[in-house]
Structures are given as C-alpha cells and as structure tokens.
C-alpha atoms as a PDB file:
ATOM      1  CA  MET A   1     106.305  96.198  99.221  1.00  0.00           C
ATOM      2  CA  LYS A   2     102.859  94.680  99.439  1.00  0.00           C
ATOM      3  CA  ASN A   3     103.948  91.331 100.736  1.00  0.00           C
ATOM      4  CA  LYS A   4     103.737  89.451 104.035  1.00  0.00           C
ATOM      5  CA  LEU A   5     101.597  92.253 105.438  1.00  0.00           C
ATOM      6  CA  ASN A   6      98.610  91.264 103.237  1.00  0.00           C
ATOM      7  CA  PHE A   7      98.188  94.175 100.856  1.00  0.00           C
ATOM      8  CA  GLU A   8      94.859  93.180  99.381  1.00  0.00           C
ATOM      9  CA  GLU A   9      91.381  94.718  99.364  1.00  0.00           C
ATOM     10  CA  ASN A  10      91.354  95.788 103.030  1.00  0.00           C
ATOM     11  CA  TYR A  11      94.602  97.705 102.514  1.00  0.00           C
ATOM     12  CA  PHE A  12      93.654  99.423  99.244  1.00  0.00           C
ATOM     13  CA  GLU A  13      90.154 100.276 100.409  1.00  0.00           C
ATOM     14  CA  GLY A  14      91.444 101.404 103.806  1.00  0.00           C
ATOM     15  CA  HIS A  15      94.933 102.690 104.604  1.00  0.00           C
ATOM     16  CA  TYR A  16      95.921 103.261 100.958  1.00  0.00           C
ATOM     17  CA  LYS A  17      92.978 105.583 100.306  1.00  0.00           C
ATOM     18  CA  LYS A  18      94.929 108.276 102.123  1.00  0.00           C
ATOM     19  CA  ILE A  19      97.262 108.146  99.102  1.00  0.00           C
ATOM     20  CA  ALA A  20      95.174 107.109  96.108  1.00  0.00           C
ATOM     21  CA  ASP A  21      92.238 105.035  94.928  1.00  0.00           C
ATOM     22  CA  PHE A  22      90.954 103.568  91.685  1.00  0.00           C
ATOM     23  CA  THR A  23      88.596 106.407  90.715  1.00  0.00           C
ATOM     24  CA  GLU A  24      89.020 108.266  87.440  1.00  0.00           C
ATOM     25  CA  LYS A  25      89.430 111.608  89.228  1.00  0.00           C
ATOM     26  CA  ARG A  26      92.182 110.352  91.506  1.00  0.00           C
ATOM     27  CA  ASN A  27      93.922 108.561  88.638  1.00  0.00           C
ATOM     28  CA  LYS A  28      94.164 111.875  86.767  1.00  0.00           C
ATOM     29  CA  GLU A  29      95.537 113.608  89.853  1.00  0.00           C
ATOM     30  CA  MET A  30      98.120 110.877  90.420  1.00  0.00           C
ATOM     31  CA  ALA A  31      99.086 111.001  86.745  1.00  0.00           C
ATOM     32  CA  ASN A  32     100.031 114.647  87.368  1.00  0.00           C
ATOM     33  CA  TRP A  33     102.065 113.547  90.395  1.00  0.00           C
ATOM     34  CA  PHE A  34     104.056 110.921  88.543  1.00  0.00           C
ATOM     35  CA  ARG A  35     104.489 113.055  85.440  1.00  0.00           C
ATOM     36  CA  GLY A  36     105.979 115.841  87.575  1.00  0.00           C
ATOM     37  CA  ILE A  37     108.341 113.434  89.351  1.00  0.00           C
ATOM     38  CA  PHE A  38     109.427 111.914  86.039  1.00  0.00           C
ATOM     39  CA  GLU A  39     110.101 115.373  84.623  1.00  0.00           C
ATOM     40  CA  TYR A  40     112.485 115.950  87.518  1.00  0.00           C
ATOM     41  CA  ILE A  41     114.143 112.540  87.151  1.00  0.00           C
ATOM     42  CA  ASN A  42     114.617 113.310  83.463  1.00  0.00           C
ATOM     43  CA  ARG A  43     117.257 115.867  84.471  1.00  0.00           C
ATOM     44  CA  TYR A  44     119.475 112.999  85.594  1.00  0.00           C
ATOM     45  CA  TYR A  45     118.305 110.087  83.431  1.00  0.00           C
ATOM     46  CA  PRO A  46     116.381 110.267  80.108  1.00  0.00           C
ATOM     47  CA  ILE A  47     113.304 108.530  81.441  1.00  0.00           C
ATOM     48  CA  LYS A  48     111.087 110.184  78.832  1.00  0.00           C
ATOM     49  CA  GLU A  49     112.932 108.423  75.985  1.00  0.00           C
ATOM     50  CA  GLY A  50     111.060 105.144  76.162  1.00  0.00           C
ATOM     51  CA  LYS A  51     110.501 104.305  72.519  1.00  0.00           C
ATOM     52  CA  GLY A  52     111.716 100.802  71.713  1.00  0.00           C
ATOM     53  CA  LYS A  53     112.528 100.027  75.377  1.00  0.00           C
ATOM     54  CA  LYS A  54     111.024  97.543  77.788  1.00  0.00           C
ATOM     55  CA  LEU A  55     110.335  98.610  81.378  1.00  0.00           C
ATOM     56  CA  ILE A  56     109.017  96.707  84.373  1.00  0.00           C
ATOM     57  CA  GLU A  57     107.433  98.391  87.372  1.00  0.00           C
ATOM     58  CA  PHE A  58     107.169  96.735  90.776  1.00  0.00           C
ATOM     59  CA  GLY A  59     104.499  97.870  93.218  1.00  0.00           C
ATOM     60  CA  CYS A  60     102.325  99.357  90.471  1.00  0.00           C
ATOM     61  CA  ALA A  61      99.288  99.643  92.813  1.00  0.00           C
ATOM     62  CA  THR A  62      96.607 101.538  90.840  1.00  0.00           C
ATOM     63  CA  GLY A  63      98.699 101.389  87.654  1.00  0.00           C
ATOM     64  CA  VAL A  64      98.922 105.142  87.128  1.00  0.00           C
ATOM     65  CA  ALA A  65     102.729 105.453  87.017  1.00  0.00           C
ATOM     66  CA  SER A  66     102.894 102.692  84.410  1.00  0.00           C
ATOM     67  CA  SER A  67     100.251 104.486  82.335  1.00  0.00           C
ATOM     68  CA  VAL A  68     102.414 107.634  82.273  1.00  0.00           C
ATOM     69  CA  LEU A  69     105.488 105.598  81.333  1.00  0.00           C
ATOM     70  CA  LYS A  70     103.537 103.994  78.478  1.00  0.00           C
ATOM     71  CA  LYS A  71     102.907 107.483  77.093  1.00  0.00           C
ATOM     72  CA  PHE A  72     106.694 107.959  77.033  1.00  0.00           C
ATOM     73  CA  GLY A  73     106.831 105.045  74.571  1.00  0.00           C
ATOM     74  CA  TYR A  74     107.822 102.141  76.846  1.00  0.00           C
ATOM     75  CA  ASP A  75     106.618  98.589  76.456  1.00  0.00           C
ATOM     76  CA  VAL A  76     105.472  98.359  80.075  1.00  0.00           C
ATOM     77  CA  THR A  77     105.035  95.377  82.365  1.00  0.00           C
ATOM     78  CA  ALA A  78     103.348  96.461  85.606  1.00  0.00           C
ATOM     79  CA  THR A  79     103.479  94.168  88.641  1.00  0.00           C
ATOM     80  CA  ASP A  80     102.258  94.151  92.203  1.00  0.00           C
ATOM     81  CA  ILE A  81     102.058  91.494  94.895  1.00  0.00           C
ATOM     82  CA  SER A  82      98.400  92.431  95.349  1.00  0.00           C
ATOM     83  CA  LYS A  83      95.989  90.446  93.196  1.00  0.00           C
ATOM     84  CA  TYR A  84      93.305  92.974  94.127  1.00  0.00           C
ATOM     85  CA  ALA A  85      95.340  95.932  92.836  1.00  0.00           C
ATOM     86  CA  VAL A  86      96.395  94.192  89.631  1.00  0.00           C
ATOM     87  CA  THR A  87      92.808  93.133  88.858  1.00  0.00           C
ATOM     88  CA  ARG A  88      91.516  96.694  89.358  1.00  0.00           C
ATOM     89  CA  ALA A  89      94.375  98.366  87.465  1.00  0.00           C
ATOM     90  CA  LYS A  90      94.072  96.002  84.505  1.00  0.00           C
ATOM     91  CA  LYS A  91      90.485  97.141  83.964  1.00  0.00           C
ATOM     92  CA  LYS A  92      91.537 100.794  83.890  1.00  0.00           C
ATOM     93  CA  PHE A  93      94.616 100.774  81.664  1.00  0.00           C
ATOM     94  CA  LYS A  94      94.898  98.988  78.328  1.00  0.00           C
ATOM     95  CA  GLY A  95      98.116  98.273  76.454  1.00  0.00           C
ATOM     96  CA  ILE A  96     100.017  97.452  79.650  1.00  0.00           C
ATOM     97  CA  LYS A  97     100.943  93.923  80.689  1.00  0.00           C
ATOM     98  CA  PHE A  98      99.854  93.478  84.303  1.00  0.00           C
ATOM     99  CA  ALA A  99     100.991  90.594  86.503  1.00  0.00           C
ATOM    100  CA  VAL A 100     100.883  89.563  90.151  1.00  0.00           C
ATOM    101  CA  GLN A 101     104.502  89.350  91.294  1.00  0.00           C
ATOM    102  CA  ASP A 102     106.333  89.432  94.612  1.00  0.00           C
ATOM    103  CA  ILE A 103     109.507  91.488  94.210  1.00  0.00           C
ATOM    104  CA  GLU A 104     111.202  89.224  96.752  1.00  0.00           C
ATOM    105  CA  LYS A 105     110.701  86.214  94.464  1.00  0.00           C
ATOM    106  CA  PRO A 106     112.738  85.834  91.239  1.00  0.00           C
ATOM    107  CA  LEU A 107     111.055  86.597  87.915  1.00  0.00           C
ATOM    108  CA  ARG A 108     112.794  84.605  85.209  1.00  0.00           C
ATOM    109  CA  GLY A 109     112.931  84.863  81.450  1.00  0.00           C
ATOM    110  CA  GLU A 110     112.370  88.321  79.981  1.00  0.00           C
ATOM    111  CA  LYS A 111     115.035  91.008  80.391  1.00  0.00           C
ATOM    112  CA  PHE A 112     114.315  94.727  80.620  1.00  0.00           C
ATOM    113  CA  ASP A 113     116.037  97.972  79.681  1.00  0.00           C
ATOM    114  CA  SER A 114     114.665  99.676  82.788  1.00  0.00           C
ATOM    115  CA  ALA A 115     113.030  98.760  86.081  1.00  0.00           C
ATOM    116  CA  MET A 116     111.164 100.926  88.554  1.00  0.00           C
ATOM    117  CA  ALA A 117     109.997 100.616  92.153  1.00  0.00           C
ATOM    118  CA  LEU A 118     108.384 103.738  93.567  1.00  0.00           C
ATOM    119  CA  ASP A 119     107.760 103.683  97.335  1.00  0.00           C
ATOM    120  CA  VAL A 120     108.348  99.943  97.471  1.00  0.00           C
ATOM    121  CA  ILE A 121     111.652  98.932  99.053  1.00  0.00           C
ATOM    122  CA  GLU A 122     110.807 100.512 102.411  1.00  0.00           C
ATOM    123  CA  HIS A 123     107.981  97.943 102.655  1.00  0.00           C
ATOM    124  CA  LEU A 124     110.267  94.928 102.187  1.00  0.00           C
ATOM    125  CA  PRO A 125     111.404  92.788 105.113  1.00  0.00           C
ATOM    126  CA  ASN A 126     114.387  91.867 102.933  1.00  0.00           C
ATOM    127  CA  PRO A 127     114.988  94.805 100.571  1.00  0.00           C
ATOM    128  CA  GLU A 128     118.385  93.492  99.470  1.00  0.00           C
ATOM    129  CA  LEU A 129     116.678  90.406  98.029  1.00  0.00           C
ATOM    130  CA  GLY A 130     114.131  92.509  96.133  1.00  0.00           C
ATOM    131  CA  ILE A 131     116.780  94.852  94.738  1.00  0.00           C
ATOM    132  CA  ARG A 132     118.923  91.878  93.682  1.00  0.00           C
ATOM    133  CA  ASN A 133     115.955  90.390  91.805  1.00  0.00           C
ATOM    134  CA  ILE A 134     115.574  93.674  89.935  1.00  0.00           C
ATOM    135  CA  TYR A 135     119.284  93.684  89.125  1.00  0.00           C
ATOM    136  CA  ASN A 136     118.983  90.193  87.635  1.00  0.00           C
ATOM    137  CA  LEU A 137     116.062  91.275  85.438  1.00  0.00           C
ATOM    138  CA  LEU A 138     117.970  94.106  83.796  1.00  0.00           C
ATOM    139  CA  LYS A 139     119.841  93.848  80.539  1.00  0.00           C
ATOM    140  CA  LYS A 140     123.534  94.689  80.702  1.00  0.00           C
ATOM    141  CA  GLY A 141     123.694  98.472  80.970  1.00  0.00           C
ATOM    142  CA  GLY A 142     120.081  98.629  82.114  1.00  0.00           C
ATOM    143  CA  THR A 143     118.885 101.140  84.699  1.00  0.00           C
ATOM    144  CA  ALA A 144     116.805 100.802  87.849  1.00  0.00           C
ATOM    145  CA  ILE A 145     114.945 103.740  89.382  1.00  0.00           C
ATOM    146  CA  PHE A 146     113.703 103.814  92.963  1.00  0.00           C
ATOM    147  CA  LEU A 147     111.874 106.243  95.207  1.00  0.00           C
ATOM    148  CA  THR A 148     111.958 105.618  98.952  1.00  0.00           C
ATOM    149  CA  PRO A 149     111.424 107.837 102.019  1.00  0.00           C
ATOM    150  CA  ASN A 150     114.265 109.693 103.673  1.00  0.00           C
ATOM    151  CA  ASP A 151     115.122 108.245 107.062  1.00  0.00           C
ATOM    152  CA  SER A 152     113.263 110.911 109.008  1.00  0.00           C
ATOM    153  CA  PRO A 153     111.255 110.100 112.165  1.00  0.00           C
ATOM    154  CA  TYR A 154     108.040 110.615 110.199  1.00  0.00           C
ATOM    155  CA  ALA A 155     108.891 107.941 107.619  1.00  0.00           C
ATOM    156  CA  SER A 156     108.525 105.230 110.236  1.00  0.00           C
ATOM    157  CA  ASN A 157     105.085 106.405 111.356  1.00  0.00           C
ATOM    158  CA  ASP A 158     103.613 104.198 108.637  1.00  0.00           C
ATOM    159  CA  PRO A 159     103.515 100.666 110.130  1.00  0.00           C
ATOM    160  CA  THR A 160     104.128  99.161 106.672  1.00  0.00           C
ATOM    161  CA  HIS A 161     107.482 100.974 106.414  1.00  0.00           C
ATOM    162  CA  VAL A 162     109.595  98.163 107.807  1.00  0.00           C
ATOM    163  CA  SER A 163     112.871  99.037 106.045  1.00  0.00           C
ATOM    164  CA  VAL A 164     113.473 102.779 106.206  1.00  0.00           C
ATOM    165  CA  LYS A 165     117.187 103.422 105.677  1.00  0.00           C
ATOM    166  CA  SER A 166     119.582 106.320 105.157  1.00  0.00           C
ATOM    167  CA  PRO A 167     120.927 107.071 101.656  1.00  0.00           C
ATOM    168  CA  LYS A 168     124.319 105.816 102.858  1.00  0.00           C
ATOM    169  CA  GLU A 169     122.811 102.468 103.863  1.00  0.00           C
ATOM    170  CA  TRP A 170     120.989 102.113 100.547  1.00  0.00           C
ATOM    171  CA  LYS A 171     124.121 102.917  98.576  1.00  0.00           C
ATOM    172  CA  LYS A 172     126.018 100.199 100.422  1.00  0.00           C
ATOM    173  CA  ILE A 173     123.345  97.650  99.489  1.00  0.00           C
ATOM    174  CA  PHE A 174     123.286  98.703  95.835  1.00  0.00           C
ATOM    175  CA  LYS A 175     127.080  98.471  95.586  1.00  0.00           C
ATOM    176  CA  LYS A 176     127.068  95.033  97.207  1.00  0.00           C
ATOM    177  CA  ILE A 177     124.567  93.786  94.637  1.00  0.00           C
ATOM    178  CA  GLY A 178     126.731  95.034  91.770  1.00  0.00           C
ATOM    179  CA  PHE A 179     125.077  98.238  90.568  1.00  0.00           C
ATOM    180  CA  LYS A 180     127.358 100.894  89.101  1.00  0.00           C
ATOM    181  CA  ASN A 181     126.998 104.660  88.656  1.00  0.00           C
ATOM    182  CA  ILE A 182     124.657 104.894  91.634  1.00  0.00           C
ATOM    183  CA  PHE A 183     123.022 108.310  91.746  1.00  0.00           C
ATOM    184  CA  MET A 184     121.165 109.425  94.857  1.00  0.00           C
ATOM    185  CA  LYS A 185     119.264 112.640  95.407  1.00  0.00           C
ATOM    186  CA  GLN A 186     117.368 113.667  98.515  1.00  0.00           C
ATOM    187  CA  VAL A 187     114.434 115.856  97.562  1.00  0.00           C
ATOM    188  CA  THR A 188     111.279 117.343  99.045  1.00  0.00           C
ATOM    189  CA  LEU A 189     107.912 117.419  97.292  1.00  0.00           C
ATOM    190  CA  MET A 190     104.930 119.649  97.921  1.00  0.00           C
ATOM    191  CA  PRO A 191     101.682 117.731  98.462  1.00  0.00           C
ATOM    192  CA  TYR A 192      98.175 118.599  97.196  1.00  0.00           C
ATOM    193  CA  ILE A 193      98.788 121.340  94.609  1.00  0.00           C
ATOM    194  CA  TYR A 194      99.917 118.825  91.958  1.00  0.00           C
ATOM    195  CA  ARG A 195      96.256 117.844  91.625  1.00  0.00           C
ATOM    196  CA  TRP A 196      95.630 120.713  89.214  1.00  0.00           C
ATOM    197  CA  HIS A 197      98.598 120.224  86.870  1.00  0.00           C
ATOM    198  CA  TRP A 198     101.831 118.218  86.688  1.00  0.00           C
ATOM    199  CA  ARG A 199     103.834 121.443  86.449  1.00  0.00           C
ATOM    200  CA  LEU A 200     102.742 122.132  90.037  1.00  0.00           C
ATOM    201  CA  VAL A 201     104.798 119.192  91.305  1.00  0.00           C
ATOM    202  CA  LEU A 202     107.343 121.357  93.098  1.00  0.00           C
ATOM    203  CA  VAL A 203     110.619 119.575  93.808  1.00  0.00           C
ATOM    204  CA  PHE A 204     113.165 121.059  96.209  1.00  0.00           C
ATOM    205  CA  PRO A 205     116.647 119.514  95.733  1.00  0.00           C
ATOM    206  CA  PHE A 206     117.216 118.815  99.435  1.00  0.00           C
ATOM    207  CA  ALA A 207     115.508 117.031 102.318  1.00  0.00           C
ATOM    208  CA  ILE A 208     113.142 118.896 104.638  1.00  0.00           C
ATOM    209  CA  VAL A 209     112.042 117.063 107.773  1.00  0.00           C
ATOM    210  CA  SER A 210     108.370 117.911 108.210  1.00  0.00           C
ATOM    211  CA  PRO A 211     105.138 115.939 108.661  1.00  0.00           C
ATOM    212  CA  TYR A 212     103.500 118.282 106.124  1.00  0.00           C
ATOM    213  CA  LEU A 213     105.901 117.608 103.232  1.00  0.00           C
ATOM    214  CA  ILE A 214     106.983 114.516 101.298  1.00  0.00           C
ATOM    215  CA  SER A 215     110.710 113.869 101.421  1.00  0.00           C
ATOM    216  CA  PRO A 216     111.973 110.880  99.405  1.00  0.00           C
ATOM    217  CA  VAL A 217     115.328 109.728  98.080  1.00  0.00           C
ATOM    218  CA  ILE A 218     115.612 109.236  94.325  1.00  0.00           C
ATOM    219  CA  ILE A 219     117.954 106.361  93.447  1.00  0.00           C
ATOM    220  CA  ILE A 220     119.112 105.759  89.853  1.00  0.00           C
ATOM    221  CA  ALA A 221     121.446 102.795  89.449  1.00  0.00           C
ATOM    222  CA  LYS A 222     122.979 101.225  86.356  1.00  0.00           C
ATOM    223  CA  LYS A 223     123.822  97.553  85.897  1.00  0.00           C
END
C-alpha cells in the first residue's frame, strides 16, 4: 500500500495520475469502474446489500470506491496511509468517515462487517501483517474483499508493486491467518471504455497476460 515508499503529493500528482486524479470528471469515470467491478463481485458475494452494515476500506486513494459503496447503503470508513489523499478525498465526498491509517499497523476498537483493499496488498512489504490486521478488524463471520494483480511479468513493471504473488501463494497466507471460505477468481478487465458507463466494465472470467489489459485476482474471504 502507500507506505514506506512515501505515497504523498508527489506520488498522487505524478505516477498515480496515470490511473486517476481528484478531478470531478475522473471521479465520475472511476465511479463507473468500481461500480462495474462491484456488479461482478456481487455474483459471488452480496456486496450491494450494505444497508445496516459497517465497511472499512484501506487504500481509498481518491475516495471514489468508498463513495460507490456508500450508495449501496454501507456506513463507510475510508482510510489511506497518505495524508495528502485523505485530505483531498474528504473535501470531495461527504457522509464518509476518512482517516489516515497504515494497513500494516493495528487499528483497534471498532469492528466491521466488511473490509476492502483494492490494489493494495501488492504494495505492502509485509502483506501478511496487513491482511492479519484486516482479519482482526472484522466481526465474526465478516468478509474481506481484495483485488490484486495476477503474477504476470507486467505486474512487476510498477516499482511500487513489491509483493506480487500467485493466487496459490495468497491462498496459503489467508489460510494461515485464519480466513475461511476463501474464494479466488482470476479475471481480465478491459481498460478505457468503462469511462462512458459502468455497464461497459467488461470482465472476462480468466486471466489474459497482456500489457494492454488489466488482469487482477479477486479474493473474497470470510472470518
């Protein structure tokens, strides 16, 4: 995640702009992206049924994914290690609790029905520690949802991807921590066309190794 590598203003106004920024136009486009991904995840876990549930997101960045989850009815806490990102996101999205938090450091007190980390664990020097902290935050029977790149050669081209692993390696870590009913799905996503509508988020249910496509692993794990 955004940790020891200093994910502050220079990162978000530089490298991260290839992915997203804090403009209204890009927020709307990214809302389509996350809505389309959540629609697909909903086939395997009822993520759209958020009413009366508390959810925490790690690595919220611009805050867009949390804003979509709020529309599903969740009481959302959105966190990121970057003070810069949290400060900017807080100004954009109301009704969401934003906080600066390092996923590799324990967050005590409140328990959550669900937790989410999208494109986060591949950035962690110690992903097992971060995943264990999420496990400890969940209520009994709670669910954690992750998105992380497939272990293709292209996934490691990003210098901030310090922990790219195979689905088999991730599953071993999740089992060790104590998660049950671990669901993993390798998928491929089409870039760019989602910008016009969330229904244009095309998800192929298998991995395609290509520098022109996005190929993550969806992980859904229950405590």
